Amino acid sequence: MIPAARIAHHRRAAHLAPAVVIVAAMLAARLPVAQSHPALSLWLCLWLAADSLLLSRIIRDGAGRPDARTVCATLAGACCLVSMAAPPTLRAALLAMPGTMVAMALALLAHLALAGRQALAIMRRGGTAARWESVAAQFLPPALVRLARAELVVLHMALLRWGGPADVPPGAGAFAYHRHLTPMAITLLSLSAIEVAVYHVFLGHWSRLAALAMFVVSDLGLVYLVGVVKSFRFRPILLEADSLRIRAGLLLDVAVPLNRIESVSMAIDGAEVRDAATLNAALLAWPNVIVHLRAPIDHHRLLRRRSIRRVAFRLDEPEPFVRLLQWRLGQP
């Protein structure tokens, strides 16, 4: 019997393995021996990309033999990756091999046909705006779709939302935590703007291209920072009908079922806050509320999974929140 921790470790490694294999294959394709045999190098790159992507999908899903949609999607993805990342010599060799181009085109068309059929079924079912994310995930890797959605959410928050109420579902109680962050956030934004200007001036004397590249990257980072800072007001902590939803703007969103909560307190113990089993959601400040859980819950962050027993955070007005949560838990 394989331990669950080892299985989780293998699945995390399966997320990274295809990227490592494909990058190594593209670097090897630029060696002189690969440049002298471009056709063979191209086929090897296609095989390595398809094989690594498919094996990774099998390990992550744990479903055994993949279905036709998975195989077609993997082959189409491998063909697109190799076509875009291959060196010019291999791309020239591909143009000289019509049979290989036809096979790659057929794999792509098969993926589009199967994904289109599934997308139509999703569209017919109707639903909310999340339906469009599901439709896009039929054609593109789900991780890429989630990344694009997160980017759009940040840009929308930074550029288009300048007022209005917070994002609070009907029937939920909202508790703000952004007021104590406002002075620090304004200071951070001001320092970032000064840093962008200084970088641009100094790099402009050295290289105009480098200054332009740094200007684009810095400005984009500044826009993202504005979006994150504004999200603190629009995404408060929520006490819903059956769960406590702990949010830190766009940075954190954890739902804790009320039946998993043992107690809530404003008495903060530093050792508990620093413990590895505590999720500290307080931003740039010491928490003033800590929630103890009856049983641990899993918290996923990027490729890591943590088992947490306590959640600490900071509210602008903690007393009403603690009283309401204790009443909901039936505690004096």
C-alpha atoms as a PDB file:
ATOM      1  CA  MET A   1       0.000   0.000   0.000  1.00  0.00           C
ATOM      2  CA  ILE A   2       1.565   3.307  -1.115  1.00  0.00           C
ATOM      3  CA  PRO A   3       1.274   6.068   1.528  1.00  0.00           C
ATOM      4  CA  ALA A   4      -0.985   8.981   0.640  1.00  0.00           C
ATOM      5  CA  ALA A   5       1.864  11.466   1.181  1.00  0.00           C
ATOM      6  CA  ARG A   6       4.003   9.678  -1.402  1.00  0.00           C
ATOM      7  CA  ILE A   7       1.128   9.629  -3.905  1.00  0.00           C
ATOM      8  CA  ALA A   8       0.627  13.374  -3.429  1.00  0.00           C
ATOM      9  CA  HIS A   9       4.374  13.923  -3.916  1.00  0.00           C
ATOM     10  CA  HIS A  10       4.307  11.915  -7.149  1.00  0.00           C
ATOM     11  CA  ARG A  11       1.364  13.926  -8.446  1.00  0.00           C
ATOM     12  CA  ARG A  12       3.141  17.200  -7.682  1.00  0.00           C
ATOM     13  CA  ALA A  13       6.200  15.925  -9.528  1.00  0.00           C
ATOM     14  CA  ALA A  14       3.960  14.958 -12.455  1.00  0.00           C
ATOM     15  CA  HIS A  15       2.972  18.617 -12.852  1.00  0.00           C
ATOM     16  CA  LEU A  16       6.600  19.680 -13.317  1.00  0.00           C
ATOM     17  CA  ALA A  17       8.020  16.706 -15.215  1.00  0.00           C
ATOM     18  CA  PRO A  18       6.598  17.579 -18.688  1.00  0.00           C
ATOM     19  CA  ALA A  19       8.008  21.115 -18.531  1.00  0.00           C
ATOM     20  CA  VAL A  20      11.444  19.789 -17.575  1.00  0.00           C
ATOM     21  CA  VAL A  21      11.402  17.148 -20.319  1.00  0.00           C
ATOM     22  CA  ILE A  22      10.184  19.527 -23.048  1.00  0.00           C
ATOM     23  CA  VAL A  23      12.665  22.282 -22.121  1.00  0.00           C
ATOM     24  CA  ALA A  24      15.501  19.738 -22.080  1.00  0.00           C
ATOM     25  CA  ALA A  25      14.400  18.410 -25.482  1.00  0.00           C
ATOM     26  CA  MET A  26      14.283  21.910 -26.987  1.00  0.00           C
ATOM     27  CA  LEU A  27      17.758  22.676 -25.637  1.00  0.00           C
ATOM     28  CA  ALA A  28      19.105  19.382 -26.969  1.00  0.00           C
ATOM     29  CA  ALA A  29      17.568  20.162 -30.376  1.00  0.00           C
ATOM     30  CA  ARG A  30      19.927  23.138 -30.618  1.00  0.00           C
ATOM     31  CA  LEU A  31      23.066  21.007 -30.292  1.00  0.00           C
ATOM     32  CA  PRO A  32      25.191  20.499 -33.440  1.00  0.00           C
ATOM     33  CA  VAL A  33      24.414  16.773 -33.636  1.00  0.00           C
ATOM     34  CA  ALA A  34      20.669  17.526 -33.585  1.00  0.00           C
ATOM     35  CA  GLN A  35      21.042  20.298 -36.169  1.00  0.00           C
ATOM     36  CA  SER A  36      22.767  17.858 -38.521  1.00  0.00           C
ATOM     37  CA  HIS A  37      19.791  15.420 -38.302  1.00  0.00           C
ATOM     38  CA  PRO A  38      16.770  17.751 -38.142  1.00  0.00           C
ATOM     39  CA  ALA A  39      14.090  15.237 -39.152  1.00  0.00           C
ATOM     40  CA  LEU A  40      15.122  12.691 -36.524  1.00  0.00           C
ATOM     41  CA  SER A  41      15.432  15.454 -33.918  1.00  0.00           C
ATOM     42  CA  LEU A  42      11.934  16.701 -34.739  1.00  0.00           C
ATOM     43  CA  TRP A  43      10.386  13.253 -34.348  1.00  0.00           C
ATOM     44  CA  LEU A  44      12.212  12.716 -31.052  1.00  0.00           C
ATOM     45  CA  CYS A  45      10.978  16.070 -29.734  1.00  0.00           C
ATOM     46  CA  LEU A  46       7.407  15.230 -30.735  1.00  0.00           C
ATOM     47  CA  TRP A  47       7.635  11.833 -29.073  1.00  0.00           C
ATOM     48  CA  LEU A  48       9.149  13.200 -25.849  1.00  0.00           C
ATOM     49  CA  ALA A  49       6.574  15.987 -25.620  1.00  0.00           C
ATOM     50  CA  ALA A  50       3.588  13.711 -26.257  1.00  0.00           C
ATOM     51  CA  ASP A  51       4.872  10.926 -24.001  1.00  0.00           C
ATOM     52  CA  SER A  52       5.701  13.197 -21.058  1.00  0.00           C
ATOM     53  CA  LEU A  53       2.383  15.066 -21.279  1.00  0.00           C
ATOM     54  CA  LEU A  54       0.321  11.876 -21.505  1.00  0.00           C
ATOM     55  CA  LEU A  55       2.157  10.078 -18.677  1.00  0.00           C
ATOM     56  CA  SER A  56       1.810  13.171 -16.505  1.00  0.00           C
ATOM     57  CA  ARG A  57      -1.935  13.282 -17.174  1.00  0.00           C
ATOM     58  CA  ILE A  58      -2.323   9.590 -16.310  1.00  0.00           C
ATOM     59  CA  ILE A  59      -0.427  10.007 -13.025  1.00  0.00           C
ATOM     60  CA  ARG A  60      -2.324  13.159 -12.027  1.00  0.00           C
ATOM     61  CA  ASP A  61      -5.755  11.750 -12.849  1.00  0.00           C
ATOM     62  CA  GLY A  62      -5.072   8.275 -11.499  1.00  0.00           C
ATOM     63  CA  ALA A  63      -7.738   6.959 -13.868  1.00  0.00           C
ATOM     64  CA  GLY A  64      -5.688   4.306 -15.648  1.00  0.00           C
ATOM     65  CA  ARG A  65      -6.139   4.067 -19.395  1.00  0.00           C
ATOM     66  CA  PRO A  66      -6.836   7.524 -20.905  1.00  0.00           C
ATOM     67  CA  ASP A  67      -9.850   8.110 -23.135  1.00  0.00           C
ATOM     68  CA  ALA A  68      -9.800   9.328 -26.729  1.00  0.00           C
ATOM     69  CA  ARG A  69     -10.313  12.989 -25.777  1.00  0.00           C
ATOM     70  CA  THR A  70      -7.302  12.929 -23.465  1.00  0.00           C
ATOM     71  CA  VAL A  71      -5.086  11.286 -26.082  1.00  0.00           C
ATOM     72  CA  CYS A  72      -6.129  13.712 -28.828  1.00  0.00           C
ATOM     73  CA  ALA A  73      -5.719  16.736 -26.557  1.00  0.00           C
ATOM     74  CA  THR A  74      -2.258  15.565 -25.506  1.00  0.00           C
ATOM     75  CA  LEU A  75      -1.115  14.938 -29.082  1.00  0.00           C
ATOM     76  CA  ALA A  76      -2.461  18.322 -30.194  1.00  0.00           C
ATOM     77  CA  GLY A  77      -0.713  20.051 -27.309  1.00  0.00           C
ATOM     78  CA  ALA A  78       2.574  18.321 -28.083  1.00  0.00           C
ATOM     79  CA  CYS A  79       2.337  19.312 -31.751  1.00  0.00           C
ATOM     80  CA  CYS A  80       1.650  22.958 -30.883  1.00  0.00           C
ATOM     81  CA  LEU A  81       4.443  23.138 -28.307  1.00  0.00           C
ATOM     82  CA  VAL A  82       7.056  21.615 -30.589  1.00  0.00           C
ATOM     83  CA  SER A  83       5.974  23.756 -33.551  1.00  0.00           C
ATOM     84  CA  MET A  84       6.345  26.957 -31.514  1.00  0.00           C
ATOM     85  CA  ALA A  85       9.452  26.094 -29.475  1.00  0.00           C
ATOM     86  CA  ALA A  86      11.534  24.190 -32.031  1.00  0.00           C
ATOM     87  CA  PRO A  87      14.618  25.936 -33.466  1.00  0.00           C
ATOM     88  CA  PRO A  88      14.464  27.251 -37.064  1.00  0.00           C
ATOM     89  CA  THR A  89      16.294  24.200 -38.442  1.00  0.00           C
ATOM     90  CA  LEU A  90      13.645  21.822 -37.107  1.00  0.00           C
ATOM     91  CA  ARG A  91      10.794  24.037 -38.308  1.00  0.00           C
ATOM     92  CA  ALA A  92      12.336  24.070 -41.786  1.00  0.00           C
ATOM     93  CA  ALA A  93      12.573  20.275 -41.649  1.00  0.00           C
ATOM     94  CA  LEU A  94       8.894  20.104 -40.660  1.00  0.00           C
ATOM     95  CA  LEU A  95       7.888  22.151 -43.712  1.00  0.00           C
ATOM     96  CA  ALA A  96       9.805  19.673 -45.848  1.00  0.00           C
ATOM     97  CA  MET A  97       7.847  16.685 -44.422  1.00  0.00           C
ATOM     98  CA  PRO A  98       4.217  16.962 -45.593  1.00  0.00           C
ATOM     99  CA  GLY A  99       3.318  13.594 -44.077  1.00  0.00           C
ATOM    100  CA  THR A 100       4.310  14.731 -40.595  1.00  0.00           C
ATOM    101  CA  MET A 101       2.453  18.020 -41.067  1.00  0.00           C
ATOM    102  CA  VAL A 102      -0.714  16.173 -42.113  1.00  0.00           C
ATOM    103  CA  ALA A 103      -0.487  13.862 -39.074  1.00  0.00           C
ATOM    104  CA  MET A 104      -0.060  16.853 -36.750  1.00  0.00           C
ATOM    105  CA  ALA A 105      -2.977  18.653 -38.408  1.00  0.00           C
ATOM    106  CA  LEU A 106      -5.199  15.576 -38.029  1.00  0.00           C
ATOM    107  CA  ALA A 107      -4.360  15.353 -34.322  1.00  0.00           C
ATOM    108  CA  LEU A 108      -5.266  19.016 -33.896  1.00  0.00           C
ATOM    109  CA  LEU A 109      -8.526  18.655 -35.855  1.00  0.00           C
ATOM    110  CA  ALA A 110      -9.515  15.571 -33.855  1.00  0.00           C
ATOM    111  CA  HIS A 111      -8.946  17.480 -30.621  1.00  0.00           C
ATOM    112  CA  LEU A 112     -10.986  20.458 -31.866  1.00  0.00           C
ATOM    113  CA  ALA A 113     -13.837  18.184 -32.955  1.00  0.00           C
ATOM    114  CA  LEU A 114     -14.042  16.273 -29.666  1.00  0.00           C
ATOM    115  CA  ALA A 115     -13.601  19.428 -27.590  1.00  0.00           C
ATOM    116  CA  GLY A 116     -16.215  21.255 -29.670  1.00  0.00           C
ATOM    117  CA  ARG A 117     -18.768  18.514 -29.095  1.00  0.00           C
ATOM    118  CA  GLN A 118     -18.189  18.645 -25.340  1.00  0.00           C
ATOM    119  CA  ALA A 119     -18.303  22.459 -25.374  1.00  0.00           C
ATOM    120  CA  LEU A 120     -21.679  22.418 -27.141  1.00  0.00           C
ATOM    121  CA  ALA A 121     -23.053  20.077 -24.483  1.00  0.00           C
ATOM    122  CA  ILE A 122     -21.877  22.476 -21.766  1.00  0.00           C
ATOM    123  CA  MET A 123     -23.432  25.449 -23.564  1.00  0.00           C
ATOM    124  CA  ARG A 124     -26.795  23.684 -23.864  1.00  0.00           C
ATOM    125  CA  ARG A 125     -26.871  23.046 -20.116  1.00  0.00           C
ATOM    126  CA  GLY A 126     -26.711  26.789 -19.470  1.00  0.00           C
ATOM    127  CA  GLY A 127     -25.582  28.168 -16.154  1.00  0.00           C
ATOM    128  CA  THR A 128     -23.532  31.060 -14.866  1.00  0.00           C
ATOM    129  CA  ALA A 129     -20.454  32.814 -16.174  1.00  0.00           C
ATOM    130  CA  ALA A 130     -18.339  29.871 -14.961  1.00  0.00           C
ATOM    131  CA  ARG A 131     -19.746  28.014 -17.958  1.00  0.00           C
ATOM    132  CA  TRP A 132     -17.424  29.956 -20.262  1.00  0.00           C
ATOM    133  CA  GLU A 133     -14.426  28.844 -18.234  1.00  0.00           C
ATOM    134  CA  SER A 134     -15.559  25.229 -18.619  1.00  0.00           C
ATOM    135  CA  VAL A 135     -16.001  25.729 -22.364  1.00  0.00           C
ATOM    136  CA  ALA A 136     -12.521  27.211 -22.749  1.00  0.00           C
ATOM    137  CA  ALA A 137     -11.053  24.345 -20.702  1.00  0.00           C
ATOM    138  CA  GLN A 138     -12.280  21.900 -23.349  1.00  0.00           C
ATOM    139  CA  PHE A 139      -9.922  23.455 -25.911  1.00  0.00           C
ATOM    140  CA  LEU A 140      -7.026  24.679 -23.759  1.00  0.00           C
ATOM    141  CA  PRO A 141      -5.225  23.227 -20.713  1.00  0.00           C
ATOM    142  CA  PRO A 142      -7.351  23.889 -17.603  1.00  0.00           C
ATOM    143  CA  ALA A 143      -4.350  25.369 -15.780  1.00  0.00           C
ATOM    144  CA  LEU A 144      -3.852  27.876 -18.606  1.00  0.00           C
ATOM    145  CA  VAL A 145      -7.553  28.788 -18.519  1.00  0.00           C
ATOM    146  CA  ARG A 146      -7.434  29.333 -14.750  1.00  0.00           C
ATOM    147  CA  LEU A 147      -4.336  31.499 -15.150  1.00  0.00           C
ATOM    148  CA  ALA A 148      -6.010  33.591 -17.856  1.00  0.00           C
ATOM    149  CA  ARG A 149      -9.114  33.992 -15.697  1.00  0.00           C
ATOM    150  CA  ALA A 150      -6.996  35.106 -12.733  1.00  0.00           C
ATOM    151  CA  GLU A 151      -5.188  37.634 -14.939  1.00  0.00           C
ATOM    152  CA  LEU A 152      -8.488  39.059 -16.179  1.00  0.00           C
ATOM    153  CA  VAL A 153      -9.851  39.285 -12.637  1.00  0.00           C
ATOM    154  CA  VAL A 154      -6.792  41.258 -11.489  1.00  0.00           C
ATOM    155  CA  LEU A 155      -6.901  43.597 -14.498  1.00  0.00           C
ATOM    156  CA  HIS A 156     -10.651  44.150 -14.082  1.00  0.00           C
ATOM    157  CA  MET A 157     -10.170  44.907 -10.400  1.00  0.00           C
ATOM    158  CA  ALA A 158      -7.293  47.313 -11.075  1.00  0.00           C
ATOM    159  CA  LEU A 159      -8.651  49.202 -14.080  1.00  0.00           C
ATOM    160  CA  LEU A 160     -12.449  49.000 -14.045  1.00  0.00           C
ATOM    161  CA  ARG A 161     -13.667  48.775 -10.438  1.00  0.00           C
ATOM    162  CA  TRP A 162     -13.461  52.157  -8.743  1.00  0.00           C
ATOM    163  CA  GLY A 163     -16.533  52.061  -6.534  1.00  0.00           C
ATOM    164  CA  GLY A 164     -19.633  50.134  -5.662  1.00  0.00           C
ATOM    165  CA  PRO A 165     -20.423  47.561  -2.999  1.00  0.00           C
ATOM    166  CA  ALA A 166     -18.210  44.692  -1.935  1.00  0.00           C
ATOM    167  CA  ASP A 167     -18.645  41.167  -3.302  1.00  0.00           C
ATOM    168  CA  VAL A 168     -21.043  39.790  -0.685  1.00  0.00           C
ATOM    169  CA  PRO A 169     -23.487  36.977  -1.594  1.00  0.00           C
ATOM    170  CA  PRO A 170     -27.108  37.332  -0.410  1.00  0.00           C
ATOM    171  CA  GLY A 171     -27.571  36.193   3.171  1.00  0.00           C
ATOM    172  CA  ALA A 172     -23.879  36.399   4.078  1.00  0.00           C
ATOM    173  CA  GLY A 173     -22.366  38.655   6.719  1.00  0.00           C
ATOM    174  CA  ALA A 174     -19.349  40.723   5.643  1.00  0.00           C
ATOM    175  CA  PHE A 175     -16.502  41.795   7.922  1.00  0.00           C
ATOM    176  CA  ALA A 176     -13.923  44.279   6.675  1.00  0.00           C
ATOM    177  CA  TYR A 177     -10.182  44.110   7.195  1.00  0.00           C
ATOM    178  CA  HIS A 178      -8.992  46.731   4.699  1.00  0.00           C
ATOM    179  CA  ARG A 179      -8.984  49.888   6.840  1.00  0.00           C
ATOM    180  CA  HIS A 180      -5.801  49.075   8.726  1.00  0.00           C
ATOM    181  CA  LEU A 181      -4.156  48.170   5.422  1.00  0.00           C
ATOM    182  CA  THR A 182      -4.963  51.418   3.597  1.00  0.00           C
ATOM    183  CA  PRO A 183      -2.054  53.583   4.884  1.00  0.00           C
ATOM    184  CA  MET A 184       0.485  50.797   4.314  1.00  0.00           C
ATOM    185  CA  ALA A 185      -0.947  50.031   0.871  1.00  0.00           C
ATOM    186  CA  ILE A 186      -0.733  53.687  -0.191  1.00  0.00           C
ATOM    187  CA  THR A 187       2.872  53.830   1.024  1.00  0.00           C
ATOM    188  CA  LEU A 188       3.730  50.643  -0.853  1.00  0.00           C
ATOM    189  CA  LEU A 189       2.158  51.925  -4.070  1.00  0.00           C
ATOM    190  CA  SER A 190       4.006  55.242  -3.758  1.00  0.00           C
ATOM    191  CA  LEU A 191       7.357  53.524  -3.235  1.00  0.00           C
ATOM    192  CA  SER A 192       6.678  51.223  -6.188  1.00  0.00           C
ATOM    193  CA  ALA A 193       5.896  54.190  -8.448  1.00  0.00           C
ATOM    194  CA  ILE A 194       9.129  55.926  -7.384  1.00  0.00           C
ATOM    195  CA  GLU A 195      11.067  52.713  -8.003  1.00  0.00           C
ATOM    196  CA  VAL A 196       9.615  52.403 -11.514  1.00  0.00           C
ATOM    197  CA  ALA A 197      10.632  55.982 -12.337  1.00  0.00           C
ATOM    198  CA  VAL A 198      14.171  55.534 -10.984  1.00  0.00           C
ATOM    199  CA  TYR A 199      14.692  52.277 -12.889  1.00  0.00           C
ATOM    200  CA  HIS A 200      13.474  53.889 -16.091  1.00  0.00           C
ATOM    201  CA  VAL A 201      15.813  56.900 -15.747  1.00  0.00           C
ATOM    202  CA  PHE A 202      18.917  54.849 -14.952  1.00  0.00           C
ATOM    203  CA  LEU A 203      18.318  52.154 -17.566  1.00  0.00           C
ATOM    204  CA  GLY A 204      17.531  54.799 -20.185  1.00  0.00           C
ATOM    205  CA  HIS A 205      21.157  55.983 -20.031  1.00  0.00           C
ATOM    206  CA  TRP A 206      22.402  52.452 -20.644  1.00  0.00           C
ATOM    207  CA  SER A 207      19.955  50.861 -23.081  1.00  0.00           C
ATOM    208  CA  ARG A 208      16.734  52.218 -24.513  1.00  0.00           C
ATOM    209  CA  LEU A 209      15.451  48.689 -25.203  1.00  0.00           C
ATOM    210  CA  ALA A 210      16.178  47.547 -21.638  1.00  0.00           C
ATOM    211  CA  ALA A 211      14.481  50.668 -20.274  1.00  0.00           C
ATOM    212  CA  LEU A 212      11.403  49.991 -22.394  1.00  0.00           C
ATOM    213  CA  ALA A 213      11.268  46.337 -21.305  1.00  0.00           C
ATOM    214  CA  MET A 214      11.661  47.282 -17.641  1.00  0.00           C
ATOM    215  CA  PHE A 215       9.029  50.001 -18.048  1.00  0.00           C
ATOM    216  CA  VAL A 216       6.498  47.487 -19.410  1.00  0.00           C
ATOM    217  CA  VAL A 217       7.234  44.889 -16.719  1.00  0.00           C
ATOM    218  CA  SER A 218       7.237  47.450 -13.902  1.00  0.00           C
ATOM    219  CA  ASP A 219       4.031  49.102 -15.068  1.00  0.00           C
ATOM    220  CA  LEU A 220       2.296  45.744 -15.338  1.00  0.00           C
ATOM    221  CA  GLY A 221       3.471  44.874 -11.831  1.00  0.00           C
ATOM    222  CA  LEU A 222       2.185  48.219 -10.581  1.00  0.00           C
ATOM    223  CA  VAL A 223      -1.219  47.558 -12.169  1.00  0.00           C
ATOM    224  CA  TYR A 224      -1.333  44.131 -10.509  1.00  0.00           C
ATOM    225  CA  LEU A 225      -0.430  45.701  -7.171  1.00  0.00           C
ATOM    226  CA  VAL A 226      -3.256  48.227  -7.557  1.00  0.00           C
ATOM    227  CA  GLY A 227      -5.662  45.357  -8.281  1.00  0.00           C
ATOM    228  CA  VAL A 228      -4.547  43.402  -5.215  1.00  0.00           C
ATOM    229  CA  VAL A 229      -4.793  46.449  -2.930  1.00  0.00           C
ATOM    230  CA  LYS A 230      -8.275  47.339  -4.194  1.00  0.00           C
ATOM    231  CA  SER A 231      -9.439  43.739  -3.754  1.00  0.00           C
ATOM    232  CA  PHE A 232      -9.009  44.019   0.014  1.00  0.00           C
ATOM    233  CA  ARG A 233     -12.119  46.228   0.165  1.00  0.00           C
ATOM    234  CA  PHE A 234     -14.144  44.343  -2.424  1.00  0.00           C
ATOM    235  CA  ARG A 235     -13.518  40.897  -0.914  1.00  0.00           C
ATOM    236  CA  PRO A 236     -14.220  40.972   2.840  1.00  0.00           C
ATOM    237  CA  ILE A 237     -14.346  37.964   5.125  1.00  0.00           C
ATOM    238  CA  LEU A 238     -17.772  36.296   4.918  1.00  0.00           C
ATOM    239  CA  LEU A 239     -19.879  34.400   7.417  1.00  0.00           C
ATOM    240  CA  GLU A 240     -22.224  32.355   5.230  1.00  0.00           C
ATOM    241  CA  ALA A 241     -25.049  29.977   6.045  1.00  0.00           C
ATOM    242  CA  ASP A 242     -22.853  26.920   6.537  1.00  0.00           C
ATOM    243  CA  SER A 243     -19.268  28.139   6.258  1.00  0.00           C
ATOM    244  CA  LEU A 244     -16.781  30.815   7.229  1.00  0.00           C
ATOM    245  CA  ARG A 245     -15.084  32.168   4.117  1.00  0.00           C
ATOM    246  CA  ILE A 246     -11.729  33.683   4.976  1.00  0.00           C
ATOM    247  CA  ARG A 247     -10.445  35.975   2.254  1.00  0.00           C
ATOM    248  CA  ALA A 248      -7.440  38.225   1.804  1.00  0.00           C
ATOM    249  CA  GLY A 249      -8.357  40.053  -1.366  1.00  0.00           C
ATOM    250  CA  LEU A 250      -7.238  38.158  -4.439  1.00  0.00           C
ATOM    251  CA  LEU A 251      -4.466  36.444  -2.483  1.00  0.00           C
ATOM    252  CA  LEU A 252      -6.475  33.986  -0.395  1.00  0.00           C
ATOM    253  CA  ASP A 253      -9.934  32.424  -0.325  1.00  0.00           C
ATOM    254  CA  VAL A 254     -10.514  29.561   2.116  1.00  0.00           C
ATOM    255  CA  ALA A 255     -13.934  28.178   3.054  1.00  0.00           C
ATOM    256  CA  VAL A 256     -14.141  26.559   6.500  1.00  0.00           C
ATOM    257  CA  PRO A 257     -17.368  24.610   7.231  1.00  0.00           C
ATOM    258  CA  LEU A 258     -19.021  25.770  10.439  1.00  0.00           C
ATOM    259  CA  ASN A 259     -19.315  22.185  11.682  1.00  0.00           C
ATOM    260  CA  ARG A 260     -15.504  21.967  11.567  1.00  0.00           C
ATOM    261  CA  ILE A 261     -15.026  24.984  13.862  1.00  0.00           C
ATOM    262  CA  GLU A 262     -14.417  24.211  17.530  1.00  0.00           C
ATOM    263  CA  SER A 263     -13.993  27.731  18.907  1.00  0.00           C
ATOM    264  CA  VAL A 264     -13.141  31.331  18.055  1.00  0.00           C
ATOM    265  CA  SER A 265     -11.168  33.699  20.222  1.00  0.00           C
ATOM    266  CA  MET A 266      -9.476  37.096  20.298  1.00  0.00           C
ATOM    267  CA  ALA A 267      -6.818  35.800  22.707  1.00  0.00           C
ATOM    268  CA  ILE A 268      -3.845  35.352  20.400  1.00  0.00           C
ATOM    269  CA  ASP A 269      -0.954  33.078  21.345  1.00  0.00           C
ATOM    270  CA  GLY A 270       2.220  33.821  19.391  1.00  0.00           C
ATOM    271  CA  ALA A 271       3.307  30.177  19.428  1.00  0.00           C
ATOM    272  CA  GLU A 272       0.007  29.121  17.862  1.00  0.00           C
ATOM    273  CA  VAL A 273       0.206  31.790  15.159  1.00  0.00           C
ATOM    274  CA  ARG A 274       3.738  30.721  14.205  1.00  0.00           C
ATOM    275  CA  ASP A 275       2.872  27.021  14.256  1.00  0.00           C
ATOM    276  CA  ALA A 276       3.011  25.251  10.886  1.00  0.00           C
ATOM    277  CA  ALA A 277      -0.571  24.026  11.357  1.00  0.00           C
ATOM    278  CA  THR A 278      -1.879  27.617  11.521  1.00  0.00           C
ATOM    279  CA  LEU A 279      -2.911  29.503   8.405  1.00  0.00           C
ATOM    280  CA  ASN A 280      -2.063  33.141   9.108  1.00  0.00           C
ATOM    281  CA  ALA A 281      -4.286  35.254   6.856  1.00  0.00           C
ATOM    282  CA  ALA A 282      -3.426  38.565   8.543  1.00  0.00           C
ATOM    283  CA  LEU A 283      -1.744  40.956   6.123  1.00  0.00           C
ATOM    284  CA  LEU A 284       1.070  43.263   7.265  1.00  0.00           C
ATOM    285  CA  ALA A 285      -0.223  43.095  10.842  1.00  0.00           C
ATOM    286  CA  TRP A 286      -0.618  40.810  13.834  1.00  0.00           C
ATOM    287  CA  PRO A 287      -3.901  38.820  13.841  1.00  0.00           C
ATOM    288  CA  ASN A 288      -6.622  39.661  16.339  1.00  0.00           C
ATOM    289  CA  VAL A 289      -8.899  36.640  15.723  1.00  0.00           C
ATOM    290  CA  ILE A 290      -8.020  32.953  15.732  1.00  0.00           C
ATOM    291  CA  VAL A 291     -10.348  30.090  14.803  1.00  0.00           C
ATOM    292  CA  HIS A 292      -9.643  26.603  16.171  1.00  0.00           C
ATOM    293  CA  LEU A 293     -10.856  23.617  14.132  1.00  0.00           C
ATOM    294  CA  ARG A 294     -12.238  20.296  15.344  1.00  0.00           C
ATOM    295  CA  ALA A 295     -10.406  18.431  12.602  1.00  0.00           C
ATOM    296  CA  PRO A 296      -7.717  19.576  10.166  1.00  0.00           C
ATOM    297  CA  ILE A 297      -8.614  20.741   6.680  1.00  0.00           C
ATOM    298  CA  ASP A 298      -6.423  20.741   3.595  1.00  0.00           C
ATOM    299  CA  HIS A 299      -5.285  24.025   2.118  1.00  0.00           C
ATOM    300  CA  HIS A 300      -3.820  23.967  -1.388  1.00  0.00           C
ATOM    301  CA  ARG A 301      -1.403  26.703  -2.409  1.00  0.00           C
ATOM    302  CA  LEU A 302       0.241  26.407  -5.832  1.00  0.00           C
ATOM    303  CA  LEU A 303       1.771  22.898  -5.780  1.00  0.00           C
ATOM    304  CA  ARG A 304       1.784  22.592  -1.979  1.00  0.00           C
ATOM    305  CA  ARG A 305      -0.833  21.101   0.302  1.00  0.00           C
ATOM    306  CA  ARG A 306      -1.013  21.994   3.981  1.00  0.00           C
ATOM    307  CA  SER A 307      -3.065  20.477   6.766  1.00  0.00           C
ATOM    308  CA  ILE A 308      -4.285  23.325   8.970  1.00  0.00           C
ATOM    309  CA  ARG A 309      -5.869  23.200  12.429  1.00  0.00           C
ATOM    310  CA  ARG A 310      -6.161  26.920  13.084  1.00  0.00           C
ATOM    311  CA  VAL A 311      -6.822  30.038  11.018  1.00  0.00           C
ATOM    312  CA  ALA A 312      -5.670  33.447  12.228  1.00  0.00           C
ATOM    313  CA  PHE A 313      -6.656  36.757  10.645  1.00  0.00           C
ATOM    314  CA  ARG A 314      -7.177  40.417  11.435  1.00  0.00           C
ATOM    315  CA  LEU A 315     -10.448  42.361  11.278  1.00  0.00           C
ATOM    316  CA  ASP A 316     -11.079  46.062  11.620  1.00  0.00           C
ATOM    317  CA  GLU A 317     -13.847  45.336  14.162  1.00  0.00           C
ATOM    318  CA  PRO A 318     -13.333  41.836  15.593  1.00  0.00           C
ATOM    319  CA  GLU A 319     -15.843  41.965  18.490  1.00  0.00           C
ATOM    320  CA  PRO A 320     -19.085  41.808  16.405  1.00  0.00           C
ATOM    321  CA  PHE A 321     -17.633  38.991  14.323  1.00  0.00           C
ATOM    322  CA  VAL A 322     -16.622  36.917  17.344  1.00  0.00           C
ATOM    323  CA  ARG A 323     -20.015  37.406  19.022  1.00  0.00           C
ATOM    324  CA  LEU A 324     -21.906  36.413  15.877  1.00  0.00           C
ATOM    325  CA  LEU A 325     -19.755  33.363  15.182  1.00  0.00           C
ATOM    326  CA  GLN A 326     -20.022  32.177  18.785  1.00  0.00           C
ATOM    327  CA  TRP A 327     -23.800  32.547  18.561  1.00  0.00           C
ATOM    328  CA  ARG A 328     -23.834  30.559  15.304  1.00  0.00           C
ATOM    329  CA  LEU A 329     -21.750  27.854  16.993  1.00  0.00           C
ATOM    330  CA  GLY A 330     -24.057  27.797  20.025  1.00  0.00           C
ATOM    331  CA  GLN A 331     -21.317  28.932  22.385  1.00  0.00           C
ATOM    332  CA  PRO A 332     -21.719  31.453  25.236  1.00  0.00           C
END
